[in-house]
Amino acid sequence: MSVTERTREIGIMKAVGARKRDIIQLFLIESSILGAVGALLGVLVGIGVGYLGVTLIGWPMVYPVDWVVIAVAVGLGVGVLSGIYPAWRAARVDPIEALRHE
């Protein structure tokens, strides 16, 4: 999701009329999706490893649902926060320079 890798694409979007707000939204939505997928995969792997651990030890398996929700929310939040600066940079790209970029 690097801005430098997508400079030409951003330039084309701006050349056909995309506003700064549109580009920022695009990058924030992408980073949110990445954060959500990462959080969900992390929860699933965590549950799997936890299940394996409690099976070997013999303890009862307890996963409070509120902690799972918090983990997904934190992952989503990290995704959004990590997308703010790239979104801001992408919105500031000059379309003429971006179209020259290869």
C-alpha atoms as a PDB file:
ATOM      1  CA  MET A   1       0.000   0.000   0.000  1.00  0.00           C
ATOM      2  CA  SER A   2       3.005   2.262  -0.461  1.00  0.00           C
ATOM      3  CA  VAL A   3       2.350   5.698  -1.885  1.00  0.00           C
ATOM      4  CA  THR A   4       5.597   5.599  -3.849  1.00  0.00           C
ATOM      5  CA  GLU A   5       4.589   2.337  -5.515  1.00  0.00           C
ATOM      6  CA  ARG A   6       1.192   3.741  -6.487  1.00  0.00           C
ATOM      7  CA  THR A   7       2.208   7.241  -7.534  1.00  0.00           C
ATOM      8  CA  ARG A   8       1.150   6.759 -11.151  1.00  0.00           C
ATOM      9  CA  GLU A   9      -2.220   5.304 -10.109  1.00  0.00           C
ATOM     10  CA  ILE A  10      -2.810   8.266  -7.788  1.00  0.00           C
ATOM     11  CA  GLY A  11      -1.875  10.660 -10.595  1.00  0.00           C
ATOM     12  CA  ILE A  12      -4.390   9.035 -12.933  1.00  0.00           C
ATOM     13  CA  MET A  13      -7.107   9.228 -10.284  1.00  0.00           C
ATOM     14  CA  LYS A  14      -6.395  12.921  -9.733  1.00  0.00           C
ATOM     15  CA  ALA A  15      -6.253  13.575 -13.486  1.00  0.00           C
ATOM     16  CA  VAL A  16      -9.755  12.146 -13.949  1.00  0.00           C
ATOM     17  CA  GLY A  17     -11.171  14.222 -11.114  1.00  0.00           C
ATOM     18  CA  ALA A  18     -10.538  12.484  -7.796  1.00  0.00           C
ATOM     19  CA  ARG A  19     -10.406  14.948  -4.922  1.00  0.00           C
ATOM     20  CA  LYS A  20      -7.966  14.846  -2.013  1.00  0.00           C
ATOM     21  CA  ARG A  21     -10.783  13.587   0.184  1.00  0.00           C
ATOM     22  CA  ASP A  22     -11.460  10.688  -2.210  1.00  0.00           C
ATOM     23  CA  ILE A  23      -7.836   9.572  -2.161  1.00  0.00           C
ATOM     24  CA  ILE A  24      -7.599   9.865   1.620  1.00  0.00           C
ATOM     25  CA  GLN A  25     -10.776   7.793   1.970  1.00  0.00           C
ATOM     26  CA  LEU A  26      -9.399   5.154  -0.391  1.00  0.00           C
ATOM     27  CA  PHE A  27      -6.170   4.762   1.572  1.00  0.00           C
ATOM     28  CA  LEU A  28      -7.939   4.760   4.947  1.00  0.00           C
ATOM     29  CA  ILE A  29     -10.446   2.136   3.803  1.00  0.00           C
ATOM     30  CA  GLU A  30      -7.617  -0.055   2.505  1.00  0.00           C
ATOM     31  CA  SER A  31      -5.652   0.265   5.744  1.00  0.00           C
ATOM     32  CA  SER A  32      -8.814  -0.455   7.760  1.00  0.00           C
ATOM     33  CA  ILE A  33      -9.438  -3.625   5.779  1.00  0.00           C
ATOM     34  CA  LEU A  34      -5.834  -4.726   6.261  1.00  0.00           C
ATOM     35  CA  GLY A  35      -6.075  -4.017   9.994  1.00  0.00           C
ATOM     36  CA  ALA A  36      -9.365  -5.905  10.327  1.00  0.00           C
ATOM     37  CA  VAL A  37      -8.107  -8.933   8.395  1.00  0.00           C
ATOM     38  CA  GLY A  38      -4.908  -8.957  10.442  1.00  0.00           C
ATOM     39  CA  ALA A  39      -6.852  -8.698  13.691  1.00  0.00           C
ATOM     40  CA  LEU A  40      -9.244 -11.498  12.742  1.00  0.00           C
ATOM     41  CA  LEU A  41      -6.386 -13.759  11.645  1.00  0.00           C
ATOM     42  CA  GLY A  42      -4.564 -12.936  14.873  1.00  0.00           C
ATOM     43  CA  VAL A  43      -7.618 -13.852  16.936  1.00  0.00           C
ATOM     44  CA  LEU A  44      -8.074 -17.121  15.043  1.00  0.00           C
ATOM     45  CA  VAL A  45      -4.405 -18.065  15.396  1.00  0.00           C
ATOM     46  CA  GLY A  46      -4.492 -17.062  19.067  1.00  0.00           C
ATOM     47  CA  ILE A  47      -7.534 -19.225  19.712  1.00  0.00           C
ATOM     48  CA  GLY A  48      -5.905 -22.125  17.860  1.00  0.00           C
ATOM     49  CA  VAL A  49      -2.638 -21.862  19.762  1.00  0.00           C
ATOM     50  CA  GLY A  50      -4.534 -21.413  23.021  1.00  0.00           C
ATOM     51  CA  TYR A  51      -6.615 -24.496  22.307  1.00  0.00           C
ATOM     52  CA  LEU A  52      -3.464 -26.478  21.552  1.00  0.00           C
ATOM     53  CA  GLY A  53      -1.897 -25.255  24.789  1.00  0.00           C
ATOM     54  CA  VAL A  54      -4.855 -26.072  27.008  1.00  0.00           C
ATOM     55  CA  THR A  55      -5.228 -29.460  25.344  1.00  0.00           C
ATOM     56  CA  LEU A  56      -1.634 -30.339  26.195  1.00  0.00           C
ATOM     57  CA  ILE A  57      -1.865 -29.003  29.743  1.00  0.00           C
ATOM     58  CA  GLY A  58      -5.406 -30.156  30.427  1.00  0.00           C
ATOM     59  CA  TRP A  59      -6.815 -26.870  31.690  1.00  0.00           C
ATOM     60  CA  PRO A  60     -10.275 -25.662  30.680  1.00  0.00           C
ATOM     61  CA  MET A  61     -10.370 -23.297  27.714  1.00  0.00           C
ATOM     62  CA  VAL A  62     -11.751 -19.859  28.574  1.00  0.00           C
ATOM     63  CA  TYR A  63     -11.904 -17.003  26.053  1.00  0.00           C
ATOM     64  CA  PRO A  64     -13.861 -13.980  27.221  1.00  0.00           C
ATOM     65  CA  VAL A  65     -15.723 -12.574  24.220  1.00  0.00           C
ATOM     66  CA  ASP A  66     -15.056  -9.000  25.295  1.00  0.00           C
ATOM     67  CA  TRP A  67     -11.289  -9.564  24.940  1.00  0.00           C
ATOM     68  CA  VAL A  68     -11.772 -10.890  21.416  1.00  0.00           C
ATOM     69  CA  VAL A  69     -13.805  -7.791  20.536  1.00  0.00           C
ATOM     70  CA  ILE A  70     -11.132  -5.557  22.080  1.00  0.00           C
ATOM     71  CA  ALA A  71      -8.397  -7.337  20.092  1.00  0.00           C
ATOM     72  CA  VAL A  72     -10.272  -6.841  16.817  1.00  0.00           C
ATOM     73  CA  ALA A  73     -10.994  -3.190  17.674  1.00  0.00           C
ATOM     74  CA  VAL A  74      -7.334  -2.537  18.492  1.00  0.00           C
ATOM     75  CA  GLY A  75      -6.258  -4.177  15.222  1.00  0.00           C
ATOM     76  CA  LEU A  76      -8.718  -2.059  13.283  1.00  0.00           C
ATOM     77  CA  GLY A  77      -7.578   1.071  15.119  1.00  0.00           C
ATOM     78  CA  VAL A  78      -3.930   0.336  14.396  1.00  0.00           C
ATOM     79  CA  GLY A  79      -4.828  -0.188  10.734  1.00  0.00           C
ATOM     80  CA  VAL A  80      -6.556   3.179  10.512  1.00  0.00           C
ATOM     81  CA  LEU A  81      -3.813   5.011  12.410  1.00  0.00           C
ATOM     82  CA  SER A  82      -1.094   3.477  10.262  1.00  0.00           C
ATOM     83  CA  GLY A  83      -2.926   4.625   7.137  1.00  0.00           C
ATOM     84  CA  ILE A  84      -3.286   8.295   8.053  1.00  0.00           C
ATOM     85  CA  TYR A  85       0.184   9.483   6.999  1.00  0.00           C
ATOM     86  CA  PRO A  86       0.284   7.534   3.695  1.00  0.00           C
ATOM     87  CA  ALA A  87      -3.230   8.806   2.904  1.00  0.00           C
ATOM     88  CA  TRP A  88      -2.151  12.375   3.578  1.00  0.00           C
ATOM     89  CA  ARG A  89       0.951  11.935   1.386  1.00  0.00           C
ATOM     90  CA  ALA A  90      -1.104  10.391  -1.410  1.00  0.00           C
ATOM     91  CA  ALA A  91      -3.561  13.276  -1.354  1.00  0.00           C
ATOM     92  CA  ARG A  92      -0.712  15.761  -1.796  1.00  0.00           C
ATOM     93  CA  VAL A  93       0.746  14.101  -4.915  1.00  0.00           C
ATOM     94  CA  ASP A  94       0.971  16.449  -7.901  1.00  0.00           C
ATOM     95  CA  PRO A  95      -0.904  14.756 -10.777  1.00  0.00           C
ATOM     96  CA  ILE A  96       1.505  15.946 -13.482  1.00  0.00           C
ATOM     97  CA  GLU A  97       4.568  14.701 -11.600  1.00  0.00           C
ATOM     98  CA  ALA A  98       2.773  11.476 -10.739  1.00  0.00           C
ATOM     99  CA  LEU A  99       1.962  10.753 -14.383  1.00  0.00           C
ATOM    100  CA  ARG A 100       5.629  11.254 -15.283  1.00  0.00           C
ATOM    101  CA  HIS A 101       6.647   8.846 -12.543  1.00  0.00           C
ATOM    102  CA  GLU A 102       7.465   5.334 -13.719  1.00  0.00           C
END
